[in-house]
Amino acid sequence: MATYCQQTKIQFNNADSTTIVYDAVMRAKYGVQPRVFVWYYDTVTEEFYLSNFFTVMKYDGSDIVVDHGGPNTGFIIVE
């Protein structure tokens, strides 16, 4: 049987960076160290791709800041 993992999805459009407030509710769901995945939309292939190579993420215990390396569109998954 498959297990369900709670996720929070945050969409961004043409953004240089995205800041996610990691509040007490999110900490209760995901713990003190969240897992963060960033998916970018490729306008040529019209598909989303997972990126970890040029995406810079900072987590200071209260905010997750994702630097997209310039204007990008896609979504962030926190789990």
PDB file of N, CA and C in Angstrom:
ATOM      1  N   MET A   1       0.837  -1.174   0.000  1.00  0.00           N
ATOM      2  CA  MET A   1       0.000   0.000   0.000  1.00  0.00           C
ATOM      3  C   MET A   1       0.887   1.245   0.000  1.00  0.00           C
ATOM      4  N   ALA A   2       0.561   2.186  -0.835  1.00  0.00           N
ATOM      5  CA  ALA A   2       1.337   3.429  -0.919  1.00  0.00           C
ATOM      6  C   ALA A   2       1.059   4.304   0.306  1.00  0.00           C
ATOM      7  N   THR A   3       2.080   5.010   0.748  1.00  0.00           N
ATOM      8  CA  THR A   3       1.893   5.933   1.862  1.00  0.00           C
ATOM      9  C   THR A   3       1.784   7.347   1.317  1.00  0.00           C
ATOM     10  N   TYR A   4       0.979   8.148   1.980  1.00  0.00           N
ATOM     11  CA  TYR A   4       0.765   9.524   1.555  1.00  0.00           C
ATOM     12  C   TYR A   4       1.710  10.442   2.315  1.00  0.00           C
ATOM     13  N   CYS A   5       2.381  11.273   1.604  1.00  0.00           N
ATOM     14  CA  CYS A   5       3.279  12.250   2.212  1.00  0.00           C
ATOM     15  C   CYS A   5       2.637  13.628   2.055  1.00  0.00           C
ATOM     16  N   GLN A   6       2.439  14.329   3.166  1.00  0.00           N
ATOM     17  CA  GLN A   6       1.890  15.673   3.091  1.00  0.00           C
ATOM     18  C   GLN A   6       2.859  16.578   2.345  1.00  0.00           C
ATOM     19  N   GLN A   7       2.311  17.436   1.509  1.00  0.00           N
ATOM     20  CA  GLN A   7       3.118  18.388   0.760  1.00  0.00           C
ATOM     21  C   GLN A   7       2.431  19.746   0.748  1.00  0.00           C
ATOM     22  N   THR A   8       3.237  20.769   0.643  1.00  0.00           N
ATOM     23  CA  THR A   8       2.734  22.115   0.390  1.00  0.00           C
ATOM     24  C   THR A   8       3.320  22.550  -0.942  1.00  0.00           C
ATOM     25  N   LYS A   9       2.452  23.019  -1.834  1.00  0.00           N
ATOM     26  CA  LYS A   9       2.883  23.448  -3.169  1.00  0.00           C
ATOM     27  C   LYS A   9       2.749  24.960  -3.256  1.00  0.00           C
ATOM     28  N   ILE A  10       3.843  25.621  -3.628  1.00  0.00           N
ATOM     29  CA  ILE A  10       3.865  27.075  -3.785  1.00  0.00           C
ATOM     30  C   ILE A  10       4.221  27.382  -5.230  1.00  0.00           C
ATOM     31  N   GLN A  11       3.340  28.047  -5.947  1.00  0.00           N
ATOM     32  CA  GLN A  11       3.610  28.396  -7.339  1.00  0.00           C
ATOM     33  C   GLN A  11       4.261  29.772  -7.413  1.00  0.00           C
ATOM     34  N   PHE A  12       5.101  29.963  -8.419  1.00  0.00           N
ATOM     35  CA  PHE A  12       5.698  31.268  -8.676  1.00  0.00           C
ATOM     36  C   PHE A  12       5.693  31.513 -10.181  1.00  0.00           C
ATOM     37  N   ASN A  13       5.589  32.787 -10.554  1.00  0.00           N
ATOM     38  CA  ASN A  13       5.492  33.161 -11.960  1.00  0.00           C
ATOM     39  C   ASN A  13       6.428  34.325 -12.242  1.00  0.00           C
ATOM     40  N   ASN A  14       7.401  34.095 -13.114  1.00  0.00           N
ATOM     41  CA  ASN A  14       8.346  35.130 -13.528  1.00  0.00           C
ATOM     42  C   ASN A  14       9.030  35.779 -12.318  1.00  0.00           C
ATOM     43  N   ALA A  15       9.421  34.963 -11.353  1.00  0.00           N
ATOM     44  CA  ALA A  15      10.014  35.453 -10.104  1.00  0.00           C
ATOM     45  C   ALA A  15      11.518  35.201 -10.077  1.00  0.00           C
ATOM     46  N   ASP A  16      12.254  36.174  -9.529  1.00  0.00           N
ATOM     47  CA  ASP A  16      13.691  36.009  -9.319  1.00  0.00           C
ATOM     48  C   ASP A  16      13.967  35.156  -8.084  1.00  0.00           C
ATOM     49  N   SER A  17      13.105  35.300  -7.063  1.00  0.00           N
ATOM     50  CA  SER A  17      13.242  34.514  -5.846  1.00  0.00           C
ATOM     51  C   SER A  17      11.872  34.352  -5.206  1.00  0.00           C
ATOM     52  N   THR A  18      11.773  33.374  -4.305  1.00  0.00           N
ATOM     53  CA  THR A  18      10.540  33.114  -3.574  1.00  0.00           C
ATOM     54  C   THR A  18      10.893  32.915  -2.104  1.00  0.00           C
ATOM     55  N   THR A  19      10.149  33.572  -1.212  1.00  0.00           N
ATOM     56  CA  THR A  19      10.336  33.399   0.226  1.00  0.00           C
ATOM     57  C   THR A  19       9.103  32.715   0.795  1.00  0.00           C
ATOM     58  N   ILE A  20       9.335  31.629   1.524  1.00  0.00           N
ATOM     59  CA  ILE A  20       8.270  30.867   2.163  1.00  0.00           C
ATOM     60  C   ILE A  20       8.458  31.003   3.664  1.00  0.00           C
ATOM     61  N   VAL A  21       7.440  31.498   4.336  1.00  0.00           N
ATOM     62  CA  VAL A  21       7.501  31.614   5.795  1.00  0.00           C
ATOM     63  C   VAL A  21       7.295  30.210   6.368  1.00  0.00           C
ATOM     64  N   TYR A  22       8.309  29.721   7.079  1.00  0.00           N
ATOM     65  CA  TYR A  22       8.253  28.384   7.675  1.00  0.00           C
ATOM     66  C   TYR A  22       7.788  28.530   9.112  1.00  0.00           C
ATOM     67  N   ASP A  23       6.461  28.585   9.268  1.00  0.00           N
ATOM     68  CA  ASP A  23       5.851  28.877  10.563  1.00  0.00           C
ATOM     69  C   ASP A  23       5.628  27.605  11.390  1.00  0.00           C
ATOM     70  N   ALA A  24       4.983  27.765  12.532  1.00  0.00           N
ATOM     71  CA  ALA A  24       4.754  26.645  13.454  1.00  0.00           C
ATOM     72  C   ALA A  24       3.889  25.551  12.828  1.00  0.00           C
ATOM     73  N   VAL A  25       2.934  25.927  11.990  1.00  0.00           N
ATOM     74  CA  VAL A  25       2.075  24.937  11.331  1.00  0.00           C
ATOM     75  C   VAL A  25       2.905  24.066  10.394  1.00  0.00           C
ATOM     76  N   MET A  26       3.766  24.696   9.596  1.00  0.00           N
ATOM     77  CA  MET A  26       4.616  23.928   8.684  1.00  0.00           C
ATOM     78  C   MET A  26       5.621  23.079   9.467  1.00  0.00           C
ATOM     79  N   ARG A  27       6.174  23.627  10.544  1.00  0.00           N
ATOM     80  CA  ARG A  27       7.116  22.874  11.369  1.00  0.00           C
ATOM     81  C   ARG A  27       6.456  21.634  11.970  1.00  0.00           C
ATOM     82  N   ALA A  28       5.183  21.767  12.350  1.00  0.00           N
ATOM     83  CA  ALA A  28       4.441  20.624  12.894  1.00  0.00           C
ATOM     84  C   ALA A  28       4.236  19.539  11.836  1.00  0.00           C
ATOM     85  N   LYS A  29       4.056  19.946  10.578  1.00  0.00           N
ATOM     86  CA  LYS A  29       3.862  18.985   9.483  1.00  0.00           C
ATOM     87  C   LYS A  29       5.162  18.333   9.034  1.00  0.00           C
ATOM     88  N   TYR A  30       6.227  19.151   8.900  1.00  0.00           N
ATOM     89  CA  TYR A  30       7.430  18.689   8.206  1.00  0.00           C
ATOM     90  C   TYR A  30       8.675  18.596   9.085  1.00  0.00           C
ATOM     91  N   GLY A  31       8.581  19.014  10.334  1.00  0.00           N
ATOM     92  CA  GLY A  31       9.730  18.943  11.230  1.00  0.00           C
ATOM     93  C   GLY A  31      10.598  20.183  11.141  1.00  0.00           C
ATOM     94  N   VAL A  32      11.720  20.150  11.843  1.00  0.00           N
ATOM     95  CA  VAL A  32      12.590  21.330  11.902  1.00  0.00           C
ATOM     96  C   VAL A  32      13.416  21.511  10.633  1.00  0.00           C
ATOM     97  N   GLN A  33      13.596  20.460   9.847  1.00  0.00           N
ATOM     98  CA  GLN A  33      14.387  20.551   8.612  1.00  0.00           C
ATOM     99  C   GLN A  33      13.532  20.072   7.436  1.00  0.00           C
ATOM    100  N   PRO A  34      12.923  20.980   6.681  1.00  0.00           N
ATOM    101  CA  PRO A  34      12.047  20.573   5.577  1.00  0.00           C
ATOM    102  C   PRO A  34      12.837  20.071   4.376  1.00  0.00           C
ATOM    103  N   ARG A  35      12.154  19.282   3.554  1.00  0.00           N
ATOM    104  CA  ARG A  35      12.694  18.888   2.243  1.00  0.00           C
ATOM    105  C   ARG A  35      12.043  19.809   1.228  1.00  0.00           C
ATOM    106  N   VAL A  36      12.853  20.402   0.360  1.00  0.00           N
ATOM    107  CA  VAL A  36      12.353  21.389  -0.602  1.00  0.00           C
ATOM    108  C   VAL A  36      12.779  20.967  -2.007  1.00  0.00           C
ATOM    109  N   PHE A  37      11.811  20.934  -2.909  1.00  0.00           N
ATOM    110  CA  PHE A  37      12.058  20.589  -4.310  1.00  0.00           C
ATOM    111  C   PHE A  37      11.515  21.717  -5.183  1.00  0.00           C
ATOM    112  N   VAL A  38      12.283  22.122  -6.181  1.00  0.00           N
ATOM    113  CA  VAL A  38      11.876  23.213  -7.065  1.00  0.00           C
ATOM    114  C   VAL A  38      11.742  22.671  -8.487  1.00  0.00           C
ATOM    115  N   TRP A  39      10.582  22.914  -9.081  1.00  0.00           N
ATOM    116  CA  TRP A  39      10.291  22.504 -10.448  1.00  0.00           C
ATOM    117  C   TRP A  39      10.150  23.752 -11.312  1.00  0.00           C
ATOM    118  N   TYR A  40      10.861  23.789 -12.441  1.00  0.00           N
ATOM    119  CA  TYR A  40      10.823  24.932 -13.358  1.00  0.00           C
ATOM    120  C   TYR A  40      10.126  24.548 -14.661  1.00  0.00           C
ATOM    121  N   TYR A  41       9.432  25.529 -15.227  1.00  0.00           N
ATOM    122  CA  TYR A  41       8.734  25.329 -16.492  1.00  0.00           C
ATOM    123  C   TYR A  41       9.669  25.697 -17.641  1.00  0.00           C
ATOM    124  N   ASP A  42       9.805  24.787 -18.586  1.00  0.00           N
ATOM    125  CA  ASP A  42      10.615  25.010 -19.782  1.00  0.00           C
ATOM    126  C   ASP A  42       9.681  25.408 -20.922  1.00  0.00           C
ATOM    127  N   THR A  43       9.798  26.652 -21.391  1.00  0.00           N
ATOM    128  CA  THR A  43       8.894  27.159 -22.427  1.00  0.00           C
ATOM    129  C   THR A  43       9.109  26.477 -23.777  1.00  0.00           C
ATOM    130  N   VAL A  44      10.280  25.895 -24.007  1.00  0.00           N
ATOM    131  CA  VAL A  44      10.557  25.223 -25.279  1.00  0.00           C
ATOM    132  C   VAL A  44       9.856  23.870 -25.331  1.00  0.00           C
ATOM    133  N   THR A  45      10.034  23.061 -24.290  1.00  0.00           N
ATOM    134  CA  THR A  45       9.438  21.719 -24.273  1.00  0.00           C
ATOM    135  C   THR A  45       8.037  21.709 -23.658  1.00  0.00           C
ATOM    136  N   GLU A  46       7.674  22.824 -23.001  1.00  0.00           N
ATOM    137  CA  GLU A  46       6.400  22.943 -22.291  1.00  0.00           C
ATOM    138  C   GLU A  46       6.238  21.856 -21.223  1.00  0.00           C
ATOM    139  N   GLU A  47       7.352  21.549 -20.547  1.00  0.00           N
ATOM    140  CA  GLU A  47       7.374  20.564 -19.469  1.00  0.00           C
ATOM    141  C   GLU A  47       8.020  21.187 -18.235  1.00  0.00           C
ATOM    142  N   PHE A  48       7.783  20.583 -17.090  1.00  0.00           N
ATOM    143  CA  PHE A  48       8.423  20.995 -15.850  1.00  0.00           C
ATOM    144  C   PHE A  48       9.604  20.081 -15.583  1.00  0.00           C
ATOM    145  N   TYR A  49      10.680  20.636 -15.022  1.00  0.00           N
ATOM    146  CA  TYR A  49      11.835  19.816 -14.670  1.00  0.00           C
ATOM    147  C   TYR A  49      12.317  20.185 -13.270  1.00  0.00           C
ATOM    148  N   LEU A  50      12.796  19.173 -12.558  1.00  0.00           N
ATOM    149  CA  LEU A  50      13.299  19.343 -11.208  1.00  0.00           C
ATOM    150  C   LEU A  50      14.710  19.894 -11.277  1.00  0.00           C
ATOM    151  N   SER A  51      14.976  20.912 -10.483  1.00  0.00           N
ATOM    152  CA  SER A  51      16.300  21.529 -10.495  1.00  0.00           C
ATOM    153  C   SER A  51      16.899  21.571  -9.102  1.00  0.00           C
ATOM    154  N   ASN A  52      18.134  21.158  -8.996  1.00  0.00           N
ATOM    155  CA  ASN A  52      18.901  21.288  -7.767  1.00  0.00           C
ATOM    156  C   ASN A  52      20.271  21.885  -8.042  1.00  0.00           C
ATOM    157  N   PHE A  53      20.632  22.036  -9.303  1.00  0.00           N
ATOM    158  CA  PHE A  53      21.992  22.430  -9.644  1.00  0.00           C
ATOM    159  C   PHE A  53      22.224  23.936  -9.599  1.00  0.00           C
ATOM    160  N   PHE A  54      21.313  24.739 -10.162  1.00  0.00           N
ATOM    161  CA  PHE A  54      21.551  26.182 -10.171  1.00  0.00           C
ATOM    162  C   PHE A  54      20.613  26.930  -9.232  1.00  0.00           C
ATOM    163  N   THR A  55      19.770  26.194  -8.526  1.00  0.00           N
ATOM    164  CA  THR A  55      18.859  26.806  -7.566  1.00  0.00           C
ATOM    165  C   THR A  55      19.573  26.932  -6.225  1.00  0.00           C
ATOM    166  N   VAL A  56      19.569  28.116  -5.651  1.00  0.00           N
ATOM    167  CA  VAL A  56      20.187  28.343  -4.349  1.00  0.00           C
ATOM    168  C   VAL A  56      19.068  28.470  -3.322  1.00  0.00           C
ATOM    169  N   MET A  57      19.126  27.627  -2.283  1.00  0.00           N
ATOM    170  CA  MET A  57      18.118  27.669  -1.230  1.00  0.00           C
ATOM    171  C   MET A  57      18.779  27.987   0.096  1.00  0.00           C
ATOM    172  N   LYS A  58      18.115  28.846   0.860  1.00  0.00           N
ATOM    173  CA  LYS A  58      18.604  29.221   2.188  1.00  0.00           C
ATOM    174  C   LYS A  58      17.478  28.973   3.177  1.00  0.00           C
ATOM    175  N   TYR A  59      17.811  28.346   4.293  1.00  0.00           N
ATOM    176  CA  TYR A  59      16.828  28.091   5.342  1.00  0.00           C
ATOM    177  C   TYR A  59      17.437  28.539   6.659  1.00  0.00           C
ATOM    178  N   ASP A  60      16.777  29.501   7.322  1.00  0.00           N
ATOM    179  CA  ASP A  60      17.322  30.037   8.569  1.00  0.00           C
ATOM    180  C   ASP A  60      16.495  29.647   9.790  1.00  0.00           C
ATOM    181  N   GLY A  61      15.588  28.676   9.626  1.00  0.00           N
ATOM    182  CA  GLY A  61      14.757  28.237  10.728  1.00  0.00           C
ATOM    183  C   GLY A  61      13.385  28.875  10.744  1.00  0.00           C
ATOM    184  N   SER A  62      13.239  30.021  10.078  1.00  0.00           N
ATOM    185  CA  SER A  62      11.930  30.670  10.024  1.00  0.00           C
ATOM    186  C   SER A  62      11.471  30.968   8.596  1.00  0.00           C
ATOM    187  N   ASP A  63      12.390  31.069   7.661  1.00  0.00           N
ATOM    188  CA  ASP A  63      12.055  31.313   6.253  1.00  0.00           C
ATOM    189  C   ASP A  63      12.861  30.380   5.354  1.00  0.00           C
ATOM    190  N   ILE A  64      12.223  29.968   4.264  1.00  0.00           N
ATOM    191  CA  ILE A  64      12.919  29.271   3.187  1.00  0.00           C
ATOM    192  C   ILE A  64      12.992  30.267   2.041  1.00  0.00           C
ATOM    193  N   VAL A  65      14.193  30.584   1.590  1.00  0.00           N
ATOM    194  CA  VAL A  65      14.372  31.523   0.480  1.00  0.00           C
ATOM    195  C   VAL A  65      14.969  30.745  -0.690  1.00  0.00           C
ATOM    196  N   VAL A  66      14.277  30.789  -1.829  1.00  0.00           N
ATOM    197  CA  VAL A  66      14.726  30.105  -3.036  1.00  0.00           C
ATOM    198  C   VAL A  66      15.117  31.165  -4.061  1.00  0.00           C
ATOM    199  N   ASP A  67      16.387  31.165  -4.453  1.00  0.00           N
ATOM    200  CA  ASP A  67      16.884  32.069  -5.493  1.00  0.00           C
ATOM    201  C   ASP A  67      16.821  31.310  -6.809  1.00  0.00           C
ATOM    202  N   HIS A  68      15.994  31.785  -7.739  1.00  0.00           N
ATOM    203  CA  HIS A  68      15.783  31.088  -9.004  1.00  0.00           C
ATOM    204  C   HIS A  68      16.836  31.414 -10.062  1.00  0.00           C
ATOM    205  N   GLY A  69      17.785  32.278  -9.731  1.00  0.00           N
ATOM    206  CA  GLY A  69      18.838  32.608 -10.686  1.00  0.00           C
ATOM    207  C   GLY A  69      18.349  33.494 -11.816  1.00  0.00           C
ATOM    208  N   GLY A  70      17.304  34.234 -11.602  1.00  0.00           N
ATOM    209  CA  GLY A  70      16.703  35.088 -12.627  1.00  0.00           C
ATOM    210  C   GLY A  70      15.234  34.759 -12.743  1.00  0.00           C
ATOM    211  N   PRO A  71      14.509  35.501 -13.558  1.00  0.00           N
ATOM    212  CA  PRO A  71      13.065  35.285 -13.670  1.00  0.00           C
ATOM    213  C   PRO A  71      12.737  33.868 -14.157  1.00  0.00           C
ATOM    214  N   ASN A  72      11.936  33.157 -13.381  1.00  0.00           N
ATOM    215  CA  ASN A  72      11.523  31.797 -13.726  1.00  0.00           C
ATOM    216  C   ASN A  72      10.094  31.564 -13.272  1.00  0.00           C
ATOM    217  N   THR A  73       9.479  30.548 -13.855  1.00  0.00           N
ATOM    218  CA  THR A  73       8.125  30.146 -13.526  1.00  0.00           C
ATOM    219  C   THR A  73       8.136  28.676 -13.160  1.00  0.00           C
ATOM    220  N   GLY A  74       7.345  28.315 -12.149  1.00  0.00           N
ATOM    221  CA  GLY A  74       7.258  26.918 -11.747  1.00  0.00           C
ATOM    222  C   GLY A  74       6.579  26.784 -10.400  1.00  0.00           C
ATOM    223  N   PHE A  75       7.014  25.774  -9.643  1.00  0.00           N
ATOM    224  CA  PHE A  75       6.432  25.563  -8.326  1.00  0.00           C
ATOM    225  C   PHE A  75       7.459  24.926  -7.389  1.00  0.00           C
ATOM    226  N   ILE A  76       7.217  25.124  -6.095  1.00  0.00           N
ATOM    227  CA  ILE A  76       8.077  24.594  -5.040  1.00  0.00           C
ATOM    228  C   ILE A  76       7.238  23.612  -4.234  1.00  0.00           C
ATOM    229  N   ILE A  77       7.814  22.469  -3.923  1.00  0.00           N
ATOM    230  CA  ILE A  77       7.186  21.479  -3.062  1.00  0.00           C
ATOM    231  C   ILE A  77       7.951  21.439  -1.745  1.00  0.00           C
ATOM    232  N   VAL A  78       7.234  21.602  -0.645  1.00  0.00           N
ATOM    233  CA  VAL A  78       7.826  21.469   0.694  1.00  0.00           C
ATOM    234  C   VAL A  78       7.209  20.230   1.313  1.00  0.00           C
ATOM    235  N   GLU A  79       8.082  19.354   1.819  1.00  0.00           N
ATOM    236  CA  GLU A  79       7.579  18.145   2.487  1.00  0.00           C
ATOM    237  C   GLU A  79       8.497  17.758   3.611  1.00  0.00           C
TER     238      GLU A  79
END
